[in-house]
């Protein structure tokens, strides 16, 4: 994943966990959130449960159910390595990296944010370990049967774009298998 060329930015407004800059384009100034890239995974176990992380998100002001995701802030590690490690950290399970398939990359919110997210999915067995959360993290692991998770997304109970993309893709894949498309 390519990071934004921060040397091509005109004015830093804020520099903390994220960076906010003002960038000139075609005579107009734009506020841009410069975020680290990320990765997310949809893991479906042998009983057809999707593993989610339920946590409070300050920007939204509520608890949300989303797929496990990680910021790409571990130097020298690929997004595959980061997400397999992240699944263990957030959900307390280990899977074999060979179970993981790359789906693609999406923009988080291209109108104002530089973050690009690698999406993965994995199926099959896992080994139960233990969550390894940061002091500030409070993540409840939620396992939801795939069909119920898809229905929740359709009814607005799951709203995250990364999660919706992977749930919709899995649903289409299952239809293709069922109807031999």
N, C-alpha and C. Protein backbone atom coordinates (compact mmCIF):
# COMPACT_ATOMS: atom_id res chain seq x y z
N UNK A 1 0.85 -1.17 0.00
CA UNK A 1 0.00 0.00 0.00
C UNK A 1 0.89 1.23 0.00
N UNK A 2 0.55 2.18 -0.84
CA UNK A 2 1.35 3.39 -0.96
C UNK A 2 0.88 4.44 0.03
N UNK A 3 1.81 5.01 0.76
CA UNK A 3 1.49 6.09 1.69
C UNK A 3 1.50 7.42 0.94
N UNK A 4 0.74 8.39 1.44
CA UNK A 4 0.71 9.72 0.87
C UNK A 4 2.07 10.37 1.01
N UNK A 5 2.50 11.08 0.00
CA UNK A 5 3.77 11.81 0.05
C UNK A 5 3.58 13.03 0.94
N UNK A 6 3.95 12.91 2.22
CA UNK A 6 3.71 14.01 3.16
C UNK A 6 4.58 15.22 2.88
N UNK A 7 5.61 15.07 2.06
CA UNK A 7 6.46 16.20 1.72
C UNK A 7 5.81 17.08 0.66
N UNK A 8 4.72 16.59 0.06
CA UNK A 8 4.00 17.35 -0.95
C UNK A 8 2.80 18.07 -0.32
N UNK A 9 2.76 18.16 0.99
CA UNK A 9 1.66 18.80 1.68
C UNK A 9 2.06 20.23 2.02
N UNK A 10 1.07 21.10 2.03
CA UNK A 10 1.37 22.52 2.14
C UNK A 10 1.42 23.05 3.57
N UNK A 11 0.55 22.57 4.45
CA UNK A 11 0.49 23.15 5.78
C UNK A 11 -0.06 22.14 6.77
N UNK A 12 0.70 21.84 7.80
CA UNK A 12 0.25 20.92 8.84
C UNK A 12 -0.60 21.69 9.84
N UNK A 13 -1.83 21.24 10.04
CA UNK A 13 -2.76 21.86 10.98
C UNK A 13 -2.65 21.19 12.34
N UNK A 14 -2.54 19.86 12.33
CA UNK A 14 -2.45 19.08 13.57
C UNK A 14 -1.57 17.87 13.30
N UNK A 15 -0.71 17.52 14.25
CA UNK A 15 0.15 16.36 14.11
C UNK A 15 0.13 15.57 15.40
N UNK A 16 -0.70 14.51 15.43
CA UNK A 16 -0.83 13.62 16.59
C UNK A 16 -0.89 12.19 16.10
N UNK A 17 -1.85 11.41 16.63
CA UNK A 17 -2.05 10.03 16.16
C UNK A 17 -2.35 10.04 14.66
N UNK A 18 -3.09 11.05 14.26
CA UNK A 18 -3.31 11.31 12.84
C UNK A 18 -2.70 12.67 12.55
N UNK A 19 -2.64 12.99 11.28
CA UNK A 19 -2.14 14.30 10.88
C UNK A 19 -3.24 14.95 10.05
N UNK A 20 -3.52 16.21 10.32
CA UNK A 20 -4.45 16.98 9.50
C UNK A 20 -3.63 18.06 8.81
N UNK A 21 -3.78 18.13 7.51
CA UNK A 21 -3.04 19.11 6.74
C UNK A 21 -4.00 19.90 5.86
N UNK A 22 -3.54 21.03 5.42
CA UNK A 22 -4.28 21.82 4.45
C UNK A 22 -3.48 21.74 3.16
N UNK A 23 -4.14 21.33 2.10
CA UNK A 23 -3.47 21.10 0.83
C UNK A 23 -4.16 21.91 -0.26
N UNK A 24 -3.39 22.58 -1.07
CA UNK A 24 -3.94 23.37 -2.16
C UNK A 24 -4.08 22.50 -3.41
N UNK A 25 -5.24 22.62 -4.05
CA UNK A 25 -5.48 21.91 -5.32
C UNK A 25 -6.39 22.79 -6.18
N UNK A 26 -5.88 23.15 -7.34
CA UNK A 26 -6.63 23.96 -8.31
C UNK A 26 -7.21 25.22 -7.68
N UNK A 27 -6.39 25.90 -6.89
CA UNK A 27 -6.79 27.18 -6.31
C UNK A 27 -7.66 27.11 -5.08
N UNK A 28 -7.93 25.91 -4.59
CA UNK A 28 -8.77 25.75 -3.40
C UNK A 28 -7.99 24.99 -2.35
N UNK A 29 -8.21 25.35 -1.07
CA UNK A 29 -7.56 24.66 0.03
C UNK A 29 -8.47 23.57 0.58
N UNK A 30 -7.88 22.41 0.84
CA UNK A 30 -8.61 21.24 1.33
C UNK A 30 -7.98 20.77 2.63
N UNK A 31 -8.82 20.46 3.62
CA UNK A 31 -8.32 19.82 4.84
C UNK A 31 -8.26 18.32 4.57
N UNK A 32 -7.12 17.73 4.86
CA UNK A 32 -6.90 16.32 4.57
C UNK A 32 -6.43 15.62 5.85
N UNK A 33 -7.07 14.51 6.20
CA UNK A 33 -6.64 13.67 7.31
C UNK A 33 -5.63 12.68 6.74
N UNK A 34 -4.41 12.72 7.25
CA UNK A 34 -3.37 11.81 6.80
C UNK A 34 -3.31 10.67 7.82
N UNK A 35 -3.85 9.52 7.43
CA UNK A 35 -3.90 8.36 8.33
C UNK A 35 -2.94 7.28 7.85
N UNK A 36 -2.53 6.44 8.78
CA UNK A 36 -1.80 5.24 8.39
C UNK A 36 -2.77 4.31 7.69
N UNK A 37 -2.26 3.50 6.79
CA UNK A 37 -3.10 2.50 6.13
C UNK A 37 -3.49 1.43 7.13
N UNK A 38 -4.41 0.58 6.72
CA UNK A 38 -4.95 -0.42 7.65
C UNK A 38 -5.25 -1.72 6.92
N UNK A 39 -5.70 -2.70 7.66
CA UNK A 39 -6.14 -3.97 7.08
C UNK A 39 -7.27 -4.52 7.95
N UNK A 40 -8.14 -5.32 7.35
CA UNK A 40 -9.28 -5.90 8.05
C UNK A 40 -9.49 -7.32 7.54
N UNK A 41 -10.12 -8.15 8.37
CA UNK A 41 -10.34 -9.54 7.99
C UNK A 41 -11.73 -10.01 8.38
N UNK A 42 -12.36 -10.80 7.50
CA UNK A 42 -13.58 -11.50 7.84
C UNK A 42 -13.19 -12.96 8.02
N UNK A 43 -13.24 -13.42 9.28
CA UNK A 43 -12.93 -14.82 9.58
C UNK A 43 -14.24 -15.55 9.83
N UNK A 44 -14.44 -16.65 9.11
CA UNK A 44 -15.62 -17.50 9.27
C UNK A 44 -15.15 -18.86 9.75
N UNK A 45 -15.61 -19.25 10.94
CA UNK A 45 -15.15 -20.51 11.52
C UNK A 45 -15.87 -21.71 10.91
N UNK A 46 -15.55 -22.88 11.41
CA UNK A 46 -16.09 -24.12 10.85
C UNK A 46 -17.59 -24.30 11.10
N UNK A 47 -18.16 -23.48 11.98
CA UNK A 47 -19.60 -23.53 12.25
C UNK A 47 -20.34 -22.41 11.53
N UNK A 48 -19.66 -21.75 10.61
CA UNK A 48 -20.20 -20.67 9.78
C UNK A 48 -20.50 -19.39 10.57
N UNK A 49 -19.75 -19.19 11.67
CA UNK A 49 -19.86 -17.95 12.44
C UNK A 49 -18.83 -16.96 11.94
N UNK A 50 -19.25 -15.71 11.80
CA UNK A 50 -18.33 -14.61 11.50
C UNK A 50 -17.89 -14.03 12.84
N UNK A 51 -16.59 -13.80 12.98
CA UNK A 51 -16.04 -13.26 14.23
C UNK A 51 -15.92 -11.74 14.10
N UNK A 52 -16.56 -11.04 15.04
CA UNK A 52 -16.58 -9.59 15.05
C UNK A 52 -15.96 -9.04 16.33
N UNK A 53 -15.56 -7.78 16.26
CA UNK A 53 -15.13 -7.03 17.43
C UNK A 53 -16.21 -5.99 17.72
N UNK A 54 -16.70 -5.98 18.94
CA UNK A 54 -17.69 -4.99 19.35
C UNK A 54 -17.00 -4.04 20.31
N UNK A 55 -17.02 -2.75 19.95
CA UNK A 55 -16.33 -1.78 20.79
C UNK A 55 -16.93 -0.38 20.60
N UNK A 56 -16.70 0.45 21.60
CA UNK A 56 -17.16 1.82 21.55
C UNK A 56 -16.22 2.62 20.64
N UNK A 57 -16.80 3.38 19.72
CA UNK A 57 -16.01 4.23 18.83
C UNK A 57 -16.35 5.69 19.13
N UNK A 58 -15.37 6.40 19.67
CA UNK A 58 -15.56 7.78 20.11
C UNK A 58 -16.09 8.67 18.98
N UNK A 59 -15.52 8.63 17.76
CA UNK A 59 -16.03 9.53 16.72
C UNK A 59 -17.52 9.34 16.41
N UNK A 60 -18.01 8.11 16.56
CA UNK A 60 -19.42 7.83 16.28
C UNK A 60 -20.29 7.97 17.53
N UNK A 61 -19.66 7.95 18.70
CA UNK A 61 -20.39 8.09 19.94
C UNK A 61 -21.24 6.89 20.29
N UNK A 62 -20.83 5.70 19.84
CA UNK A 62 -21.62 4.49 20.13
C UNK A 62 -20.76 3.24 19.96
N UNK A 63 -21.30 2.14 20.49
CA UNK A 63 -20.67 0.84 20.27
C UNK A 63 -21.04 0.35 18.88
N UNK A 64 -20.08 -0.24 18.21
CA UNK A 64 -20.35 -0.80 16.89
C UNK A 64 -19.81 -2.22 16.81
N UNK A 65 -20.37 -2.97 15.88
CA UNK A 65 -19.89 -4.32 15.57
C UNK A 65 -19.18 -4.21 14.23
N UNK A 66 -17.91 -4.64 14.23
CA UNK A 66 -17.12 -4.55 13.00
C UNK A 66 -16.17 -5.72 12.92
N UNK A 67 -15.63 -5.94 11.75
CA UNK A 67 -14.63 -6.98 11.59
C UNK A 67 -13.33 -6.54 12.24
N UNK A 68 -12.53 -7.50 12.71
CA UNK A 68 -11.23 -7.15 13.27
C UNK A 68 -10.39 -6.39 12.24
N UNK A 69 -9.75 -5.33 12.69
CA UNK A 69 -8.94 -4.49 11.80
C UNK A 69 -7.74 -3.98 12.58
N UNK A 70 -6.71 -3.65 11.84
CA UNK A 70 -5.47 -3.17 12.44
C UNK A 70 -4.90 -2.03 11.61
N UNK A 71 -4.26 -1.11 12.28
CA UNK A 71 -3.51 -0.06 11.61
C UNK A 71 -2.16 -0.63 11.20
N UNK A 72 -1.68 -0.23 10.05
CA UNK A 72 -0.38 -0.68 9.57
C UNK A 72 0.72 0.14 10.24
N UNK A 73 0.96 -0.17 11.51
CA UNK A 73 1.96 0.58 12.26
C UNK A 73 3.02 -0.33 12.89
N UNK A 74 3.21 -1.50 12.28
CA UNK A 74 4.23 -2.44 12.75
C UNK A 74 5.30 -2.55 11.67
N UNK A 75 6.38 -1.80 11.83
CA UNK A 75 7.42 -1.73 10.79
C UNK A 75 7.91 -3.11 10.35
N UNK A 76 8.05 -3.24 9.03
CA UNK A 76 8.59 -4.46 8.45
C UNK A 76 7.59 -5.59 8.27
N UNK A 77 6.35 -5.41 8.71
CA UNK A 77 5.36 -6.47 8.57
C UNK A 77 4.42 -6.17 7.42
N UNK A 78 4.05 -7.22 6.70
CA UNK A 78 3.08 -7.09 5.62
C UNK A 78 1.68 -6.97 6.21
N UNK A 79 0.73 -6.54 5.40
CA UNK A 79 -0.65 -6.44 5.90
C UNK A 79 -1.18 -7.82 6.28
N UNK A 80 -0.77 -8.88 5.57
CA UNK A 80 -1.18 -10.23 5.94
C UNK A 80 -0.66 -10.58 7.34
N UNK A 81 0.60 -10.31 7.60
CA UNK A 81 1.16 -10.61 8.92
C UNK A 81 0.47 -9.78 10.01
N UNK A 82 0.21 -8.53 9.71
CA UNK A 82 -0.43 -7.65 10.68
C UNK A 82 -1.85 -8.12 11.00
N UNK A 83 -2.62 -8.53 9.98
CA UNK A 83 -4.01 -8.90 10.25
C UNK A 83 -4.12 -10.24 10.94
N UNK A 84 -3.24 -11.18 10.64
CA UNK A 84 -3.26 -12.47 11.35
C UNK A 84 -2.93 -12.24 12.82
N UNK A 85 -1.93 -11.40 13.08
CA UNK A 85 -1.58 -11.05 14.46
C UNK A 85 -2.72 -10.26 15.11
N UNK A 86 -3.35 -9.38 14.35
CA UNK A 86 -4.46 -8.58 14.87
C UNK A 86 -5.66 -9.42 15.24
N UNK A 87 -5.93 -10.47 14.47
CA UNK A 87 -7.05 -11.36 14.78
C UNK A 87 -6.82 -12.01 16.15
N UNK A 88 -5.59 -12.39 16.41
CA UNK A 88 -5.27 -12.97 17.72
C UNK A 88 -5.39 -11.91 18.81
N UNK A 89 -4.86 -10.71 18.57
CA UNK A 89 -4.91 -9.66 19.58
C UNK A 89 -6.35 -9.28 19.92
N UNK A 90 -7.20 -9.09 18.90
CA UNK A 90 -8.57 -8.61 19.14
C UNK A 90 -9.54 -9.72 19.53
N UNK A 91 -9.39 -10.90 18.92
CA UNK A 91 -10.38 -11.97 19.13
C UNK A 91 -9.86 -13.14 19.95
N UNK A 92 -8.55 -13.21 20.19
CA UNK A 92 -8.01 -14.30 20.99
C UNK A 92 -7.98 -15.62 20.26
N UNK A 93 -7.79 -15.58 18.94
CA UNK A 93 -7.68 -16.83 18.17
C UNK A 93 -6.50 -16.75 17.21
N UNK A 94 -5.91 -17.90 16.96
CA UNK A 94 -4.84 -18.01 15.98
C UNK A 94 -5.34 -18.81 14.78
N UNK A 95 -4.97 -18.33 13.59
CA UNK A 95 -5.24 -19.09 12.38
C UNK A 95 -3.93 -19.20 11.60
N UNK A 96 -3.90 -20.15 10.70
CA UNK A 96 -2.74 -20.33 9.84
C UNK A 96 -2.82 -19.28 8.73
N UNK A 97 -1.75 -18.53 8.50
CA UNK A 97 -1.77 -17.52 7.43
C UNK A 97 -2.16 -18.10 6.06
N UNK A 98 -1.96 -19.40 5.87
CA UNK A 98 -2.35 -20.02 4.59
C UNK A 98 -3.87 -20.10 4.42
N UNK A 99 -4.62 -19.90 5.50
CA UNK A 99 -6.08 -19.87 5.42
C UNK A 99 -6.58 -18.54 4.87
N UNK A 100 -5.72 -17.54 4.87
CA UNK A 100 -6.12 -16.17 4.56
C UNK A 100 -5.98 -15.89 3.07
N UNK A 101 -7.00 -15.28 2.51
CA UNK A 101 -7.00 -14.88 1.10
C UNK A 101 -7.18 -13.36 1.03
N UNK A 102 -6.45 -12.77 0.11
CA UNK A 102 -6.54 -11.32 -0.11
C UNK A 102 -7.75 -11.02 -0.97
N UNK A 103 -8.55 -10.03 -0.56
CA UNK A 103 -9.72 -9.64 -1.34
C UNK A 103 -9.44 -8.42 -2.21
N UNK A 104 -8.80 -7.42 -1.66
CA UNK A 104 -8.52 -6.20 -2.40
C UNK A 104 -8.30 -5.04 -1.45
N UNK A 105 -8.16 -3.88 -2.02
CA UNK A 105 -7.89 -2.67 -1.25
C UNK A 105 -8.99 -1.66 -1.51
N UNK A 106 -9.41 -0.96 -0.45
CA UNK A 106 -10.45 0.06 -0.57
C UNK A 106 -9.99 1.35 0.09
N UNK A 107 -10.55 2.45 -0.38
CA UNK A 107 -10.33 3.75 0.26
C UNK A 107 -11.22 3.81 1.49
N UNK A 108 -10.70 4.38 2.55
CA UNK A 108 -11.52 4.51 3.75
C UNK A 108 -12.58 5.59 3.54
N UNK A 109 -12.14 6.76 3.16
CA UNK A 109 -13.04 7.87 2.88
C UNK A 109 -12.27 8.90 2.06
N UNK A 110 -12.15 8.63 0.76
CA UNK A 110 -11.28 9.39 -0.13
C UNK A 110 -11.55 10.88 -0.23
N UNK A 111 -12.69 11.35 0.25
CA UNK A 111 -12.99 12.77 0.19
C UNK A 111 -12.21 13.60 1.19
N UNK A 112 -11.70 12.94 2.24
CA UNK A 112 -10.97 13.71 3.25
C UNK A 112 -9.86 12.92 3.94
N UNK A 113 -9.72 11.64 3.68
CA UNK A 113 -8.78 10.80 4.43
C UNK A 113 -7.90 10.01 3.46
N UNK A 114 -6.62 9.86 3.80
CA UNK A 114 -5.68 9.15 2.92
C UNK A 114 -5.65 7.65 3.14
N UNK A 115 -6.32 7.15 4.18
CA UNK A 115 -6.23 5.74 4.55
C UNK A 115 -6.71 4.80 3.44
N UNK A 116 -5.89 3.80 3.15
CA UNK A 116 -6.24 2.70 2.26
C UNK A 116 -6.27 1.44 3.12
N UNK A 117 -7.24 0.55 2.87
CA UNK A 117 -7.43 -0.63 3.72
C UNK A 117 -7.35 -1.89 2.88
N UNK A 118 -6.43 -2.79 3.23
CA UNK A 118 -6.36 -4.11 2.61
C UNK A 118 -7.39 -5.00 3.28
N UNK A 119 -8.21 -5.68 2.47
CA UNK A 119 -9.26 -6.56 2.98
C UNK A 119 -8.88 -8.01 2.76
N UNK A 120 -9.13 -8.83 3.77
CA UNK A 120 -8.84 -10.25 3.72
C UNK A 120 -10.05 -11.04 4.21
N UNK A 121 -10.10 -12.32 3.85
CA UNK A 121 -11.06 -13.23 4.42
C UNK A 121 -10.36 -14.55 4.71
N UNK A 122 -10.89 -15.31 5.66
CA UNK A 122 -10.31 -16.60 6.03
C UNK A 122 -11.42 -17.51 6.52
N UNK A 123 -11.24 -18.80 6.28
CA UNK A 123 -12.20 -19.81 6.68
C UNK A 123 -11.45 -20.94 7.38
N UNK A 124 -12.18 -21.69 8.21
CA UNK A 124 -11.62 -22.92 8.75
C UNK A 124 -11.27 -22.89 10.21
N UNK A 125 -10.39 -23.81 10.59
CA UNK A 125 -10.10 -24.00 12.01
C UNK A 125 -9.29 -22.86 12.62
N UNK A 126 -9.36 -22.79 13.92
CA UNK A 126 -8.59 -21.82 14.67
C UNK A 126 -8.18 -22.44 16.00
N UNK A 127 -7.22 -21.82 16.63
CA UNK A 127 -6.79 -22.23 17.96
C UNK A 127 -7.11 -21.08 18.91
N UNK A 128 -7.80 -21.38 20.00
CA UNK A 128 -8.16 -20.36 20.98
C UNK A 128 -6.92 -20.01 21.79
N UNK A 129 -6.64 -18.72 21.89
CA UNK A 129 -5.54 -18.24 22.72
C UNK A 129 -6.13 -17.25 23.72
N UNK A 130 -5.68 -16.04 23.71
CA UNK A 130 -6.20 -15.02 24.61
C UNK A 130 -6.07 -13.66 23.93
N UNK A 131 -7.06 -12.79 24.14
CA UNK A 131 -6.95 -11.44 23.61
C UNK A 131 -5.72 -10.77 24.21
N UNK A 132 -5.09 -9.91 23.39
CA UNK A 132 -3.96 -9.10 23.86
C UNK A 132 -4.28 -7.65 23.52
N UNK A 133 -5.07 -7.02 24.35
CA UNK A 133 -5.55 -5.67 24.08
C UNK A 133 -4.65 -4.63 24.74
N UNK A 134 -4.57 -3.46 24.09
CA UNK A 134 -3.91 -2.32 24.72
C UNK A 134 -4.73 -1.88 25.93
N UNK A 135 -4.12 -1.13 26.82
CA UNK A 135 -4.81 -0.69 28.03
C UNK A 135 -6.10 0.06 27.73
N UNK A 136 -6.13 0.82 26.64
CA UNK A 136 -7.30 1.63 26.31
C UNK A 136 -8.37 0.85 25.54
N UNK A 137 -8.04 -0.36 25.08
CA UNK A 137 -8.99 -1.13 24.27
C UNK A 137 -9.93 -1.96 25.15
N UNK A 138 -11.18 -1.95 24.76
CA UNK A 138 -12.20 -2.80 25.39
C UNK A 138 -12.99 -3.41 24.24
N UNK A 139 -12.61 -4.62 23.87
CA UNK A 139 -13.24 -5.28 22.72
C UNK A 139 -13.95 -6.54 23.19
N UNK A 140 -15.24 -6.62 22.87
CA UNK A 140 -16.01 -7.83 23.12
C UNK A 140 -16.03 -8.63 21.81
N UNK A 141 -15.66 -9.90 21.89
CA UNK A 141 -15.70 -10.77 20.72
C UNK A 141 -17.13 -11.25 20.54
N UNK A 142 -17.66 -11.07 19.32
CA UNK A 142 -19.02 -11.47 19.01
C UNK A 142 -18.97 -12.40 17.81
N UNK A 143 -19.54 -13.60 17.98
CA UNK A 143 -19.63 -14.55 16.86
C UNK A 143 -21.08 -14.60 16.40
N UNK A 144 -21.29 -14.34 15.12
CA UNK A 144 -22.64 -14.29 14.57
C UNK A 144 -22.69 -15.20 13.35
N UNK A 145 -23.70 -16.10 13.28
CA UNK A 145 -23.83 -16.94 12.08
C UNK A 145 -23.88 -16.04 10.83
N UNK A 146 -23.22 -16.49 9.76
CA UNK A 146 -23.09 -15.65 8.58
C UNK A 146 -24.43 -15.09 8.11
N UNK A 147 -25.45 -15.92 7.96
CA UNK A 147 -26.73 -15.43 7.43
C UNK A 147 -27.34 -14.35 8.32
N UNK A 148 -27.20 -14.50 9.64
CA UNK A 148 -27.72 -13.48 10.56
C UNK A 148 -26.90 -12.19 10.43
N UNK A 149 -25.57 -12.31 10.30
CA UNK A 149 -24.72 -11.13 10.15
C UNK A 149 -25.09 -10.37 8.88
N UNK A 150 -25.32 -11.11 7.79
CA UNK A 150 -25.70 -10.48 6.53
C UNK A 150 -27.04 -9.75 6.69
N UNK A 151 -27.98 -10.39 7.37
CA UNK A 151 -29.29 -9.78 7.61
C UNK A 151 -29.16 -8.52 8.48
N UNK A 152 -28.29 -8.59 9.48
CA UNK A 152 -28.06 -7.41 10.34
C UNK A 152 -27.53 -6.25 9.51
N UNK A 153 -26.61 -6.54 8.57
CA UNK A 153 -26.06 -5.50 7.72
C UNK A 153 -27.17 -4.90 6.85
N UNK A 154 -28.01 -5.74 6.30
CA UNK A 154 -29.11 -5.26 5.45
C UNK A 154 -30.07 -4.35 6.22
N UNK A 155 -30.24 -4.61 7.51
CA UNK A 155 -31.17 -3.84 8.33
C UNK A 155 -30.50 -2.68 9.07
N UNK A 156 -29.21 -2.43 8.81
CA UNK A 156 -28.51 -1.31 9.42
C UNK A 156 -27.88 -1.59 10.76
N UNK A 157 -27.90 -2.84 11.23
CA UNK A 157 -27.29 -3.18 12.51
C UNK A 157 -25.77 -3.28 12.44
N UNK A 158 -25.26 -3.45 11.24
CA UNK A 158 -23.82 -3.43 10.98
C UNK A 158 -23.65 -2.45 9.83
N UNK A 159 -22.88 -1.37 10.05
CA UNK A 159 -22.82 -0.31 9.07
C UNK A 159 -21.44 0.00 8.50
N UNK A 160 -20.40 -0.59 9.05
CA UNK A 160 -19.06 -0.28 8.58
C UNK A 160 -18.84 -0.71 7.14
N UNK A 161 -18.21 0.15 6.36
CA UNK A 161 -18.03 -0.14 4.94
C UNK A 161 -17.15 -1.35 4.69
N UNK A 162 -16.06 -1.50 5.44
CA UNK A 162 -15.18 -2.66 5.25
C UNK A 162 -15.95 -3.94 5.51
N UNK A 163 -16.71 -3.94 6.58
CA UNK A 163 -17.50 -5.11 6.96
C UNK A 163 -18.56 -5.40 5.91
N UNK A 164 -19.25 -4.37 5.46
CA UNK A 164 -20.31 -4.55 4.46
C UNK A 164 -19.75 -5.10 3.15
N UNK A 165 -18.61 -4.60 2.73
CA UNK A 165 -18.02 -5.09 1.47
C UNK A 165 -17.73 -6.58 1.56
N UNK A 166 -17.11 -7.00 2.66
CA UNK A 166 -16.75 -8.42 2.77
C UNK A 166 -17.98 -9.30 2.97
N UNK A 167 -18.97 -8.85 3.73
CA UNK A 167 -20.20 -9.62 3.88
C UNK A 167 -20.93 -9.76 2.54
N UNK A 168 -21.02 -8.67 1.79
CA UNK A 168 -21.69 -8.72 0.49
C UNK A 168 -20.95 -9.62 -0.49
N UNK A 169 -19.63 -9.55 -0.48
CA UNK A 169 -18.85 -10.40 -1.37
C UNK A 169 -19.06 -11.88 -1.02
N UNK A 170 -19.07 -12.20 0.25
CA UNK A 170 -19.29 -13.60 0.66
C UNK A 170 -20.69 -14.05 0.26
N UNK A 171 -21.67 -13.19 0.41
CA UNK A 171 -23.04 -13.53 0.03
C UNK A 171 -23.12 -13.82 -1.48
N UNK A 172 -22.49 -12.98 -2.27
CA UNK A 172 -22.47 -13.20 -3.73
C UNK A 172 -21.75 -14.51 -4.06
N UNK A 173 -20.64 -14.76 -3.39
CA UNK A 173 -19.88 -16.00 -3.61
C UNK A 173 -20.76 -17.22 -3.32
N UNK A 174 -21.53 -17.16 -2.24
CA UNK A 174 -22.42 -18.28 -1.89
C UNK A 174 -23.53 -18.44 -2.92
N UNK A 175 -24.06 -17.34 -3.42
CA UNK A 175 -25.08 -17.44 -4.49
C UNK A 175 -24.50 -18.07 -5.74
N UNK A 176 -23.29 -17.66 -6.10
CA UNK A 176 -22.64 -18.22 -7.29
C UNK A 176 -22.43 -19.73 -7.14
N UNK A 177 -22.04 -20.16 -5.96
CA UNK A 177 -21.87 -21.60 -5.73
C UNK A 177 -23.20 -22.34 -5.79
N UNK A 178 -24.23 -21.76 -5.18
CA UNK A 178 -25.54 -22.40 -5.14
C UNK A 178 -26.14 -22.54 -6.54
N UNK A 179 -26.00 -21.52 -7.35
CA UNK A 179 -26.61 -21.53 -8.69
C UNK A 179 -25.61 -21.82 -9.80
N UNK A 180 -24.40 -22.22 -9.44
CA UNK A 180 -23.36 -22.59 -10.41
C UNK A 180 -23.13 -21.52 -11.45
N UNK A 181 -23.03 -20.28 -10.97
CA UNK A 181 -22.81 -19.15 -11.87
C UNK A 181 -21.33 -19.01 -12.17
